[in-house]
Amino acid sequence: DGSAVRELRRKLNLSQHKFAALIEVDVGTVQNWEQGRRSPSGPARALLRALWNDPKRVLKAIHAVD
C-alpha cells in the first residue's frame, strides 16, 4: 500500500523526485502510490519488493547498469 512505498522511500533516505528517478518512473506515479490512488504492479512491484528486502545489492545492481 501507499504507506509501504513511503516507508521504503524514507528507508532509502530519498525524496520523491530522487526515488522516482532511481526506479525510472514519473514522480506523479510515486505520489499516486504514496497517496493510495494507485498501487504498484508487475515489474514495479517486484523492484520495490527487492529494494525492501536487499536495498544495498539492488541499488548496486541498478547503478551498475547506468
N, C-alpha and C. Protein backbone atom coordinates (compact mmCIF):
# COMPACT_ATOMS: atom_id res chain seq x y z
N ASP A 1 0.83 -1.19 0.00
CA ASP A 1 0.00 0.00 0.00
C ASP A 1 0.87 1.25 0.00
N GLY A 2 0.24 2.39 0.00
CA GLY A 2 0.97 3.65 -0.08
C GLY A 2 1.94 3.88 1.05
N SER A 3 1.56 3.48 2.25
CA SER A 3 2.46 3.70 3.38
C SER A 3 3.72 2.86 3.25
N ALA A 4 3.64 1.70 2.63
CA ALA A 4 4.82 0.85 2.43
C ALA A 4 5.78 1.50 1.44
N VAL A 5 5.23 2.10 0.38
CA VAL A 5 6.08 2.78 -0.60
C VAL A 5 6.77 3.97 0.07
N ARG A 6 6.02 4.74 0.82
CA ARG A 6 6.59 5.89 1.53
C ARG A 6 7.66 5.43 2.52
N GLU A 7 7.36 4.36 3.24
CA GLU A 7 8.33 3.85 4.21
C GLU A 7 9.61 3.39 3.52
N LEU A 8 9.49 2.72 2.40
CA LEU A 8 10.67 2.28 1.65
C LEU A 8 11.48 3.49 1.18
N ARG A 9 10.81 4.48 0.64
CA ARG A 9 11.50 5.68 0.16
C ARG A 9 12.24 6.37 1.29
N ARG A 10 11.61 6.44 2.44
CA ARG A 10 12.25 7.07 3.60
C ARG A 10 13.40 6.21 4.13
N LYS A 11 13.22 4.90 4.07
CA LYS A 11 14.28 3.96 4.48
C LYS A 11 15.53 4.18 3.63
N LEU A 12 15.31 4.49 2.35
CA LEU A 12 16.43 4.75 1.43
C LEU A 12 16.91 6.20 1.50
N ASN A 13 16.22 7.02 2.30
CA ASN A 13 16.57 8.42 2.51
C ASN A 13 16.55 9.20 1.19
N LEU A 14 15.47 9.02 0.42
CA LEU A 14 15.34 9.68 -0.88
C LEU A 14 14.08 10.53 -0.93
N SER A 15 14.18 11.64 -1.63
CA SER A 15 12.99 12.46 -1.89
C SER A 15 12.14 11.72 -2.91
N GLN A 16 10.91 12.18 -3.07
CA GLN A 16 10.05 11.56 -4.09
C GLN A 16 10.68 11.66 -5.47
N HIS A 17 11.28 12.80 -5.77
CA HIS A 17 11.89 13.01 -7.09
C HIS A 17 13.07 12.06 -7.31
N LYS A 18 13.93 11.93 -6.31
CA LYS A 18 15.10 11.05 -6.45
C LYS A 18 14.68 9.59 -6.50
N PHE A 19 13.68 9.23 -5.71
CA PHE A 19 13.18 7.85 -5.72
C PHE A 19 12.58 7.52 -7.08
N ALA A 20 11.79 8.43 -7.62
CA ALA A 20 11.19 8.23 -8.94
C ALA A 20 12.27 8.06 -10.01
N ALA A 21 13.30 8.90 -9.94
CA ALA A 21 14.39 8.79 -10.91
C ALA A 21 15.12 7.46 -10.77
N LEU A 22 15.32 7.04 -9.54
CA LEU A 22 16.02 5.77 -9.28
C LEU A 22 15.31 4.59 -9.92
N ILE A 23 13.98 4.54 -9.77
CA ILE A 23 13.24 3.39 -10.31
C ILE A 23 12.63 3.68 -11.68
N GLU A 24 12.99 4.85 -12.22
CA GLU A 24 12.61 5.24 -13.58
C GLU A 24 11.10 5.28 -13.81
N VAL A 25 10.42 5.97 -12.89
CA VAL A 25 9.00 6.26 -13.06
C VAL A 25 8.80 7.75 -12.86
N ASP A 26 7.68 8.25 -13.30
CA ASP A 26 7.33 9.65 -13.12
C ASP A 26 7.09 9.93 -11.64
N VAL A 27 7.48 11.11 -11.18
CA VAL A 27 7.27 11.46 -9.78
C VAL A 27 5.79 11.40 -9.43
N GLY A 28 4.92 11.70 -10.37
CA GLY A 28 3.48 11.60 -10.14
C GLY A 28 3.05 10.18 -9.81
N THR A 29 3.74 9.22 -10.38
CA THR A 29 3.44 7.81 -10.08
C THR A 29 3.75 7.52 -8.62
N VAL A 30 4.90 7.96 -8.15
CA VAL A 30 5.29 7.75 -6.75
C VAL A 30 4.28 8.45 -5.84
N GLN A 31 3.88 9.66 -6.19
CA GLN A 31 2.90 10.39 -5.39
C GLN A 31 1.57 9.65 -5.36
N ASN A 32 1.15 9.14 -6.49
CA ASN A 32 -0.11 8.36 -6.53
C ASN A 32 -0.02 7.12 -5.67
N TRP A 33 1.11 6.43 -5.71
CA TRP A 33 1.28 5.24 -4.86
C TRP A 33 1.21 5.63 -3.39
N GLU A 34 1.95 6.66 -3.03
CA GLU A 34 2.02 7.05 -1.62
C GLU A 34 0.68 7.58 -1.10
N GLN A 35 -0.12 8.17 -1.95
CA GLN A 35 -1.41 8.71 -1.53
C GLN A 35 -2.54 7.70 -1.70
N GLY A 36 -2.19 6.49 -2.12
CA GLY A 36 -3.18 5.42 -2.21
C GLY A 36 -4.11 5.50 -3.40
N ARG A 37 -3.82 6.37 -4.35
CA ARG A 37 -4.67 6.48 -5.54
C ARG A 37 -4.40 5.35 -6.54
N ARG A 38 -3.20 4.84 -6.51
CA ARG A 38 -2.80 3.72 -7.38
C ARG A 38 -1.90 2.80 -6.58
N SER A 39 -1.71 1.60 -7.09
CA SER A 39 -0.81 0.64 -6.45
C SER A 39 0.21 0.15 -7.47
N PRO A 40 1.45 -0.05 -7.02
CA PRO A 40 2.44 -0.59 -7.94
C PRO A 40 2.04 -1.99 -8.38
N SER A 41 2.34 -2.32 -9.63
CA SER A 41 2.03 -3.66 -10.12
C SER A 41 3.15 -4.14 -11.02
N GLY A 42 3.13 -5.40 -11.32
CA GLY A 42 4.08 -6.01 -12.24
C GLY A 42 5.53 -5.77 -11.85
N PRO A 43 6.35 -5.33 -12.82
CA PRO A 43 7.78 -5.14 -12.57
C PRO A 43 8.07 -4.11 -11.48
N ALA A 44 7.25 -3.06 -11.39
CA ALA A 44 7.48 -2.05 -10.35
C ALA A 44 7.30 -2.66 -8.97
N ARG A 45 6.29 -3.49 -8.83
CA ARG A 45 6.04 -4.15 -7.54
C ARG A 45 7.21 -5.07 -7.17
N ALA A 46 7.71 -5.81 -8.15
CA ALA A 46 8.85 -6.71 -7.92
C ALA A 46 10.10 -5.91 -7.53
N LEU A 47 10.34 -4.79 -8.22
CA LEU A 47 11.50 -3.97 -7.90
C LEU A 47 11.39 -3.39 -6.50
N LEU A 48 10.22 -2.92 -6.13
CA LEU A 48 10.02 -2.37 -4.79
C LEU A 48 10.24 -3.44 -3.72
N ARG A 49 9.76 -4.64 -3.98
CA ARG A 49 9.95 -5.74 -3.04
C ARG A 49 11.44 -6.06 -2.89
N ALA A 50 12.16 -6.09 -4.02
CA ALA A 50 13.60 -6.37 -3.98
C ALA A 50 14.33 -5.26 -3.22
N LEU A 51 13.96 -4.01 -3.46
CA LEU A 51 14.58 -2.90 -2.73
C LEU A 51 14.33 -3.01 -1.24
N TRP A 52 13.14 -3.42 -0.87
CA TRP A 52 12.81 -3.56 0.56
C TRP A 52 13.66 -4.67 1.20
N ASN A 53 13.79 -5.79 0.49
CA ASN A 53 14.48 -6.95 1.06
C ASN A 53 15.99 -6.85 1.06
N ASP A 54 16.58 -6.20 0.07
CA ASP A 54 18.04 -6.13 -0.02
C ASP A 54 18.46 -4.84 -0.73
N PRO A 55 18.24 -3.71 -0.08
CA PRO A 55 18.48 -2.43 -0.75
C PRO A 55 19.91 -2.24 -1.25
N LYS A 56 20.90 -2.66 -0.49
CA LYS A 56 22.28 -2.43 -0.91
C LYS A 56 22.60 -3.12 -2.22
N ARG A 57 22.23 -4.38 -2.33
CA ARG A 57 22.54 -5.12 -3.55
C ARG A 57 21.72 -4.63 -4.74
N VAL A 58 20.47 -4.31 -4.50
CA VAL A 58 19.62 -3.83 -5.60
C VAL A 58 20.13 -2.47 -6.08
N LEU A 59 20.47 -1.57 -5.15
CA LEU A 59 20.99 -0.28 -5.56
C LEU A 59 22.30 -0.43 -6.31
N LYS A 60 23.15 -1.34 -5.86
CA LYS A 60 24.40 -1.61 -6.56
C LYS A 60 24.13 -2.12 -7.97
N ALA A 61 23.17 -3.01 -8.11
CA ALA A 61 22.82 -3.54 -9.43
C ALA A 61 22.23 -2.45 -10.33
N ILE A 62 21.40 -1.61 -9.79
CA ILE A 62 20.81 -0.52 -10.57
C ILE A 62 21.90 0.43 -11.07
N HIS A 63 22.81 0.77 -10.19
CA HIS A 63 23.87 1.71 -10.58
C HIS A 63 24.89 1.09 -11.52
N ALA A 64 25.03 -0.23 -11.49
CA ALA A 64 25.96 -0.91 -12.40
C ALA A 64 25.47 -0.84 -13.84
N VAL A 65 24.16 -0.69 -14.00
CA VAL A 65 23.56 -0.65 -15.34
C VAL A 65 23.76 0.72 -15.97
N ASP A 66 23.79 1.77 -15.16
CA ASP A 66 23.88 3.15 -15.69
C ASP A 66 25.13 3.37 -16.49
